Protein backbone atom coordinates (compact mmCIF):
# COMPACT_ATOMS: atom_id res chain seq x y z
CA MET A 1 -155.05 -82.92 189.65
CA TRP A 2 -152.40 -85.23 190.83
CA ALA A 3 -153.49 -88.45 193.04
CA ALA A 4 -152.00 -91.40 194.33
CA VAL A 5 -154.71 -93.92 193.90
CA TYR A 6 -155.28 -97.50 195.24
CA TYR A 7 -156.20 -100.32 192.64
CA GLY A 8 -155.14 -103.19 195.16
CA PRO A 9 -152.66 -104.67 196.84
CA ASN A 10 -149.06 -102.86 196.39
CA ASP A 11 -150.83 -101.19 193.27
CA LEU A 12 -150.31 -97.52 194.10
CA ARG A 13 -151.09 -95.89 190.67
CA LEU A 14 -150.14 -91.90 190.38
CA GLU A 15 -152.85 -90.41 187.84
CA GLU A 16 -154.68 -87.22 187.13
CA ARG A 17 -157.90 -86.82 188.69
CA PRO A 18 -160.98 -84.14 187.92
CA LEU A 19 -160.87 -81.62 191.21
CA PRO A 20 -163.28 -82.82 193.57
CA SER A 21 -166.42 -81.39 193.85
CA ILE A 22 -167.80 -80.08 197.44
CA GLY A 23 -171.58 -79.79 198.71
CA PRO A 24 -173.38 -76.99 200.42
CA ASP A 25 -171.53 -78.83 203.73
CA ASP A 26 -168.06 -79.68 202.55
CA VAL A 27 -164.79 -77.60 202.37
CA LEU A 28 -162.27 -78.14 199.69
CA LEU A 29 -158.54 -78.47 200.90
CA LYS A 30 -155.27 -77.38 199.18
CA VAL A 31 -152.61 -80.46 200.52
CA VAL A 32 -149.38 -78.61 202.28
CA SER A 33 -148.39 -82.03 204.27
CA THR A 34 -149.79 -85.34 204.73
CA GLY A 35 -148.11 -88.02 206.83
CA ILE A 36 -147.45 -91.72 206.00
CA CYS A 37 -148.03 -93.72 208.91
CA GLY A 38 -148.71 -97.63 209.67
CA THR A 39 -152.32 -97.68 208.62
CA ASP A 40 -150.83 -96.34 205.06
CA LEU A 41 -148.48 -99.32 204.90
CA ARG A 42 -151.25 -101.99 205.63
CA ILE A 43 -153.48 -100.45 203.07
CA LEU A 44 -150.76 -100.12 200.48
CA HIS A 45 -149.93 -104.30 200.90
CA GLY A 46 -154.15 -104.96 200.96
CA GLU A 47 -154.38 -105.57 204.73
CA HIS A 48 -156.76 -103.12 205.76
CA ARG A 49 -160.58 -103.87 206.25
CA LYS A 50 -161.91 -100.95 204.50
CA TYR A 51 -159.99 -101.54 201.65
CA PRO A 52 -161.88 -104.83 200.64
CA VAL A 53 -161.21 -106.40 197.07
CA GLY A 54 -162.04 -104.25 193.94
CA THR A 55 -161.65 -100.95 195.71
CA VAL A 56 -160.00 -97.73 193.76
CA ARG A 57 -159.47 -94.85 196.71
CA VAL A 58 -156.88 -92.50 197.52
CA PRO A 59 -155.73 -92.76 201.02
CA GLY A 60 -154.12 -90.37 203.68
CA HIS A 61 -155.38 -89.01 206.34
CA GLU A 62 -152.73 -87.15 208.20
CA VAL A 63 -153.17 -83.71 206.90
CA VAL A 64 -152.82 -80.28 207.35
CA GLY A 65 -153.50 -77.70 203.86
CA ASP A 66 -155.21 -74.34 203.18
CA ILE A 67 -158.80 -74.17 202.60
CA VAL A 68 -159.61 -73.31 198.92
CA GLU A 69 -163.58 -73.57 198.39
CA VAL A 70 -166.11 -73.25 201.30
CA GLY A 71 -169.84 -74.81 200.57
CA ALA A 72 -172.44 -72.63 200.81
CA GLU A 73 -174.20 -73.89 204.48
CA VAL A 74 -170.86 -73.80 206.14
CA VAL A 75 -169.83 -71.03 208.73
CA GLY A 76 -166.98 -70.42 210.73
CA HIS A 77 -164.11 -71.41 208.34
CA HIS A 78 -163.24 -69.24 205.12
CA VAL A 79 -160.89 -69.33 202.07
CA GLY A 80 -157.25 -69.15 203.08
CA GLN A 81 -157.31 -70.85 206.21
CA ARG A 82 -155.04 -73.51 207.45
CA VAL A 83 -156.26 -76.13 209.02
CA VAL A 84 -155.30 -79.41 210.29
CA ILE A 85 -158.33 -82.16 210.26
CA ALA A 86 -159.45 -84.57 212.70
CA PRO A 87 -159.64 -87.24 210.12
CA ASN A 88 -162.52 -89.64 212.52
CA PHE A 89 -166.04 -89.28 212.56
CA GLY A 90 -169.10 -90.72 214.09
CA CYS A 91 -172.81 -91.01 213.31
CA GLY A 92 -172.87 -87.98 215.57
CA HIS A 93 -176.26 -89.92 217.93
CA CYS A 94 -174.91 -92.78 219.42
CA ARG A 95 -173.59 -92.99 223.23
CA GLN A 96 -170.21 -93.04 221.86
CA CYS A 97 -170.43 -89.51 220.20
CA VAL A 98 -172.35 -88.18 222.03
CA SER A 99 -169.72 -88.53 224.98
CA GLY A 100 -167.27 -87.47 223.12
CA HIS A 101 -165.34 -90.47 221.77
CA ASN A 102 -166.69 -90.50 217.91
CA ASN A 103 -163.57 -92.89 217.10
CA ARG A 104 -165.33 -95.49 219.19
CA CYS A 105 -168.95 -95.38 217.18
CA ALA A 106 -169.48 -98.59 215.52
CA ASN A 107 -170.35 -96.37 211.84
CA TYR A 108 -167.59 -94.20 211.98
CA GLY A 109 -165.81 -92.90 208.72
CA ALA A 110 -162.97 -91.63 207.94
CA ILE A 111 -160.88 -89.57 204.86
CA GLY A 112 -158.70 -91.94 203.13
CA ILE A 113 -160.57 -95.06 204.83
CA ASN A 114 -163.89 -95.58 203.12
CA MET A 115 -163.74 -92.25 201.18
CA ASP A 116 -161.16 -90.29 198.97
CA GLY A 117 -157.98 -89.02 201.40
CA SER A 118 -154.69 -86.61 201.09
CA PHE A 119 -152.44 -88.14 199.27
CA ALA A 120 -153.29 -85.75 196.57
CA GLU A 121 -152.85 -81.85 195.72
CA TYR A 122 -156.57 -81.21 196.73
CA VAL A 123 -158.86 -83.15 199.17
CA ARG A 124 -162.33 -82.73 199.81
CA ILE A 125 -163.48 -82.41 203.71
CA PRO A 126 -167.09 -83.99 204.24
CA GLY A 127 -169.30 -81.90 206.24
CA PRO A 128 -170.01 -84.50 209.42
CA ILE A 129 -166.15 -84.04 209.73
CA ILE A 130 -166.73 -79.92 209.63
CA ALA A 131 -169.77 -80.62 211.61
CA GLN A 132 -168.34 -82.53 214.39
CA GLY A 133 -165.56 -79.74 214.92
CA GLY A 134 -162.99 -81.53 212.74
CA LEU A 135 -161.48 -78.92 210.69
CA ILE A 136 -158.53 -77.21 213.68
CA PRO A 137 -157.43 -74.06 212.82
CA VAL A 138 -153.91 -73.66 213.15
CA ASP A 139 -150.82 -71.00 212.15
CA SER A 140 -149.49 -70.81 209.31
CA TRP A 141 -146.21 -70.45 210.16
CA LEU A 142 -145.72 -73.81 211.86
CA ASP A 143 -144.19 -75.83 210.27
CA PRO A 144 -146.75 -77.92 208.05
CA ALA A 145 -144.54 -81.07 208.53
CA VAL A 146 -144.84 -81.15 211.95
CA VAL A 147 -148.51 -79.93 211.94
CA ALA A 148 -149.68 -83.29 209.87
CA LEU A 149 -148.04 -84.88 213.11
CA VAL A 150 -151.34 -83.63 214.80
CA GLU A 151 -153.48 -86.79 214.13
CA PRO A 152 -150.88 -89.74 215.49
CA PHE A 153 -149.41 -86.98 218.37
CA ALA A 154 -153.31 -87.34 219.34
CA CYS A 155 -153.58 -91.05 219.27
CA VAL A 156 -150.41 -91.37 221.81
CA LEU A 157 -152.65 -88.29 223.69
CA ARG A 158 -155.41 -91.00 223.81
CA GLY A 159 -153.30 -93.90 224.80
CA GLN A 160 -151.49 -92.24 227.29
CA HIS A 161 -154.45 -90.50 229.44
CA PRO A 162 -155.71 -93.80 231.27
CA LEU A 163 -152.04 -94.44 232.67
CA HIS A 164 -152.16 -90.80 234.55
CA ILE A 165 -148.29 -90.46 234.49
CA THR A 166 -147.14 -88.38 237.14
CA PRO A 167 -143.86 -86.70 238.22
CA GLY A 168 -141.86 -89.64 239.33
CA ASP A 169 -143.59 -92.55 237.54
CA VAL A 170 -140.84 -94.61 235.68
CA VAL A 171 -142.20 -95.25 232.42
CA LEU A 172 -141.51 -98.10 229.96
CA VAL A 173 -142.24 -97.44 226.13
CA MET A 174 -141.98 -100.88 224.19
CA GLY A 175 -141.24 -100.27 220.88
CA ALA A 176 -139.42 -96.83 219.42
CA GLY A 177 -140.73 -96.03 216.39
CA PRO A 178 -142.30 -92.83 215.48
CA ILE A 179 -145.31 -93.36 217.80
CA GLY A 180 -142.78 -94.77 220.61
CA THR A 181 -140.76 -92.18 220.24
CA MET A 182 -143.65 -89.68 220.77
CA HIS A 183 -144.95 -91.69 223.78
CA VAL A 184 -141.34 -91.18 225.17
CA LEU A 185 -141.23 -87.20 224.11
CA LEU A 186 -144.98 -87.53 226.25
CA ALA A 187 -143.75 -89.15 228.87
CA ARG A 188 -141.15 -86.75 229.53
CA LEU A 189 -143.65 -83.26 229.39
CA ARG A 190 -145.99 -85.16 231.83
CA GLY A 191 -142.55 -85.26 234.38
CA ALA A 192 -141.77 -89.02 234.17
CA LYS A 193 -138.75 -89.72 236.22
CA ARG A 194 -137.21 -92.43 234.02
CA VAL A 195 -138.26 -93.68 230.18
CA ILE A 196 -137.11 -96.36 229.21
CA VAL A 197 -137.93 -97.79 225.27
CA SER A 198 -137.38 -100.90 223.99
CA ASP A 199 -136.83 -102.34 220.41
CA LEU A 200 -135.01 -104.68 218.55
CA VAL A 201 -133.71 -101.96 215.96
CA SER A 202 -130.17 -100.66 217.07
CA SER A 203 -131.22 -97.19 214.28
CA ARG A 204 -134.37 -96.88 216.12
CA LEU A 205 -133.06 -97.03 219.72
CA GLN A 206 -130.46 -94.48 218.62
CA GLN A 207 -132.62 -91.62 217.49
CA VAL A 208 -135.03 -92.34 220.47
CA ALA A 209 -132.20 -91.90 222.80
CA ALA A 210 -131.03 -88.64 221.15
CA LEU A 211 -134.38 -87.37 221.69
CA GLY A 212 -134.60 -87.71 225.00
CA ALA A 213 -135.16 -91.46 226.65
CA ASP A 214 -133.01 -92.03 229.62
CA ARG A 215 -132.29 -95.54 228.41
CA ALA A 216 -132.77 -97.74 224.97
CA VAL A 217 -132.64 -101.44 225.52
CA ASN A 218 -131.85 -103.48 222.26
CA ILE A 219 -133.89 -106.71 223.57
CA ALA A 220 -131.85 -108.79 221.74
CA GLU A 221 -128.82 -108.01 223.35
CA GLU A 222 -129.75 -106.95 227.07
CA ASP A 223 -132.32 -108.36 229.46
CA LEU A 224 -135.07 -105.72 229.78
CA ALA A 225 -136.54 -106.85 233.16
CA ALA A 226 -133.17 -106.65 234.51
CA VAL A 227 -132.80 -102.70 233.18
CA VAL A 228 -136.13 -102.31 233.92
CA MET A 229 -135.86 -103.00 238.12
CA GLU A 230 -132.71 -101.79 237.76
CA GLU A 231 -134.02 -98.29 236.53
CA SER A 232 -136.77 -98.22 239.21
CA ASN A 233 -135.42 -99.62 242.36
CA GLY A 234 -136.44 -103.39 241.52
CA GLU A 235 -140.01 -102.38 241.88
CA GLY A 236 -140.89 -102.26 237.96
CA ALA A 237 -142.34 -99.61 235.92
CA ASP A 238 -145.14 -97.46 236.59
CA ALA A 239 -146.51 -97.43 233.69
CA ILE A 240 -146.00 -99.28 230.27
CA ILE A 241 -147.05 -98.70 226.47
CA VAL A 242 -146.88 -101.32 224.14
CA ALA A 243 -146.53 -99.37 221.36
CA THR A 244 -145.48 -102.47 219.19
CA ALA A 245 -147.88 -105.60 217.13
CA ALA A 246 -145.98 -107.94 219.32
CA HIS A 247 -147.46 -110.79 221.08
CA GLN A 248 -144.11 -111.20 223.81
CA ALA A 249 -144.48 -107.58 224.51
CA GLN A 250 -148.31 -107.94 225.47
CA GLU A 251 -147.49 -110.63 227.93
CA GLU A 252 -144.16 -109.70 229.38
CA ALA A 253 -145.68 -106.34 229.77
CA LEU A 254 -147.76 -107.76 233.05
CA SER A 255 -144.42 -108.91 234.96
CA LEU A 256 -142.46 -105.80 234.12
CA ALA A 257 -145.01 -103.59 235.75
CA ALA A 258 -144.97 -102.08 239.39
CA ILE A 259 -147.79 -103.27 241.42
CA GLY A 260 -150.15 -100.67 241.04
CA GLY A 261 -148.82 -100.44 237.45
CA ARG A 262 -150.89 -99.06 234.31
CA ILE A 263 -150.06 -100.60 231.05
CA ASN A 264 -151.64 -99.88 227.74
CA TYR A 265 -152.02 -102.04 224.93
CA PHE A 266 -151.61 -99.44 221.91
CA GLY A 267 -150.51 -101.85 219.52
CA GLY A 268 -153.09 -104.05 217.74
CA LEU A 269 -152.23 -107.74 216.97
CA PRO A 270 -152.51 -109.38 213.73
CA LYS A 271 -155.90 -110.01 212.66
CA ASP A 272 -154.88 -113.69 212.07
CA ARG A 273 -153.46 -114.16 215.48
CA PRO A 274 -154.64 -111.83 218.01
CA THR A 275 -154.34 -113.73 221.54
CA VAL A 276 -152.09 -113.92 224.03
CA THR A 277 -150.99 -115.78 226.99
CA PHE A 278 -152.78 -113.83 229.97
CA ASN A 279 -151.55 -114.24 233.40
CA SER A 280 -154.38 -112.87 235.30
CA ASN A 281 -153.11 -113.39 238.64
CA LEU A 282 -150.57 -110.65 238.08
CA VAL A 283 -153.13 -107.68 237.32
CA HIS A 284 -155.15 -109.60 240.13
CA TYR A 285 -152.33 -109.52 242.88
CA LYS A 286 -150.38 -106.45 241.47
CA GLU A 287 -154.04 -104.70 241.37
CA LEU A 288 -152.85 -103.43 237.57
CA LEU A 289 -154.62 -101.13 235.08
CA VAL A 290 -154.75 -102.82 231.85
CA THR A 291 -156.30 -100.55 229.40
CA GLY A 292 -156.11 -100.51 224.92
CA THR A 293 -157.21 -97.86 223.12
CA THR A 294 -157.56 -97.12 219.21
CA ALA A 295 -157.27 -94.06 216.88
CA CYS A 296 -158.46 -90.86 218.73
CA SER A 297 -161.25 -88.31 218.85
CA THR A 298 -161.76 -85.31 217.48
CA ALA A 299 -161.26 -83.52 221.22
CA ASP A 300 -158.24 -85.58 221.24
CA CYS A 301 -157.13 -83.97 218.05
CA TRP A 302 -157.94 -80.35 219.38
CA ARG A 303 -155.73 -81.08 222.22
CA ALA A 304 -152.62 -82.53 220.35
CA ALA A 305 -152.94 -78.70 217.84
CA GLU A 306 -152.80 -77.15 220.94
CA ILE A 307 -149.91 -78.79 222.35
CA ILE A 308 -148.08 -78.85 219.21
CA GLY A 309 -148.87 -75.38 218.71
CA SER A 310 -147.63 -73.86 221.94
CA GLY A 311 -144.26 -75.29 221.88
CA ARG A 312 -144.59 -77.28 224.51
CA ILE A 313 -143.16 -80.32 222.77
CA ASN A 314 -141.47 -80.43 219.54
CA LEU A 315 -141.32 -82.85 216.33
CA GLU A 316 -139.50 -81.69 214.00
CA LYS A 317 -136.56 -84.25 214.49
CA LEU A 318 -139.20 -87.15 214.26
CA VAL A 319 -139.91 -85.51 210.12
CA SER A 320 -137.12 -87.95 208.53
CA GLY A 321 -138.02 -87.11 205.08
CA ARG A 322 -140.52 -84.54 203.00
CA TYR A 323 -141.38 -86.11 199.42
CA PRO A 324 -143.45 -84.62 196.38
CA LEU A 325 -146.46 -86.24 195.52
CA GLN A 326 -144.47 -87.31 192.19
CA ASP A 327 -141.95 -89.42 194.37
CA ILE A 328 -145.06 -91.04 196.28
CA HIS A 329 -143.27 -94.91 195.56
CA ALA A 330 -140.29 -93.61 197.20
CA ALA A 331 -142.05 -92.02 200.22
CA PHE A 332 -143.58 -95.21 200.92
CA ALA A 333 -140.51 -96.88 200.52
CA ALA A 334 -139.10 -94.95 203.11
CA ALA A 335 -141.47 -94.97 205.36
CA GLU A 336 -141.38 -98.92 205.27
CA GLY A 337 -137.56 -98.67 205.87
CA LYS A 338 -135.92 -99.32 209.51
CA ASN A 339 -134.46 -95.99 209.73
CA ALA A 340 -137.10 -93.59 208.99
CA LEU A 341 -139.38 -92.50 211.95
CA LYS A 342 -142.09 -90.24 209.92
CA ILE A 343 -142.42 -89.65 206.31
CA VAL A 344 -144.43 -86.89 204.96
CA ILE A 345 -145.67 -85.60 201.56
CA GLN A 346 -145.58 -82.17 200.09
CA PRO A 347 -147.12 -82.27 196.67
CA ASP A 348 -145.80 -78.71 195.70
CA LEU A 349 -141.84 -80.05 197.15
CA ALA A 350 -139.69 -80.10 194.13
CA ALA A 351 -137.23 -82.70 195.08
CA PRO A 352 -137.16 -84.88 198.41
CA GLN A 353 -136.09 -83.84 201.51
CA GLU A 354 -134.56 -86.50 203.98
CA HIS A 355 -132.76 -85.89 207.20
CA ILE A 356 -132.60 -90.10 207.78
CA GLU A 357 -129.55 -90.54 209.91
C-alpha cells in the first residue's frame, strides 16, 4: 500500500509499505477520507512531543473508512461496514477513563500520534480503540469528506459543553479557522442570538460570514471591544471561545465577557511561551467561568457523529479541497494556506478537487 511517512521535520515521504497485519483484537480499515488538521501541521514541522527525534511514523487521525478485515475476537463489527474513528484511547481503568474522559488519561494513545495513522491506503485500528467504543458506524451515503470531520467537531462540542450556550446568548468566537467556523455553526444551532467572530485574515472572515456569523470583525481594522458592546447592548459577550493560539486573545477575552460570562480557552499556546497576564479581578468581580478543553473523548465523537448524521448541521462547505494520497504534499501546502478551511485526503481520488474561494 501507499503511505505518507514522517521521517523528521518537513520530511514527509510517500512510499510503498506492506499492508498492516492485525491481531485478534484489531480491525483493518480501508481509508476512504482523512482530514489534515493543525496537529498534523505541527507534526510535519517537528513540533509535536509524541514525534521525538528519530520517529518514523504515518500521521493522520481524522478518518472514515470501510472495514476490510476483522480480528477473530472482535464482536459487533463486520467486513464492509463504514465507520468513523474516535482516535483517542486511554488505559481504561484510571479515574479519567472510567468517568468517560479517556482523552484526559495520563497514558493515552491515538492513531497518527503514537502509532501509525490514516495518511495511507489502509490503517490498523488497535484493540483498545475498539474496546472503548471507538469504531462508530456511519451511513455510507454520507459524504465521507464531511464524516471525516467528526473528530474535530467532537472537540468543538467538548469546548462548548461547559459554556451552556442557550437561546438569546451573545457569543464571540476568536479565530475564524476551521475550528472557529465550527464553533460559529454550533453556537447558531444552540440558539445564540448573535454570533460574532474575529480574526486577522479577511478571506477567512468572508467565509465564516457566508456560513452564518452575524458579525465578522477584522481586528486590524475594527475595534473588537466596541463591536462586542454594540452587539450586546453594552453588556459584553455571554460566551467566548478563544479558538486561536494567541496570548492577546486569551487576555482580552476577560474584558470582553459580560458579567457572569463563560470563556473557553480552546486553543493551546506555544509550549515555549505558555503564560498570559491574567486579570483575576475581572474573574472575581464579574463572576466569570473560565474553562479549558483538550481533544475529545470517545463519547464526544459519538455525539458529533450523531449530529452530523442527522443533518442538523452542515459542514460540507468547510471542505475546501479533496486530494488523492499521491498529492499529499500539495494537500499539506493547501492546509497551511490562509484561504483553506479543511483539506481532506481521499486515497482513491483520481485528481485534486478544490473549492477554495
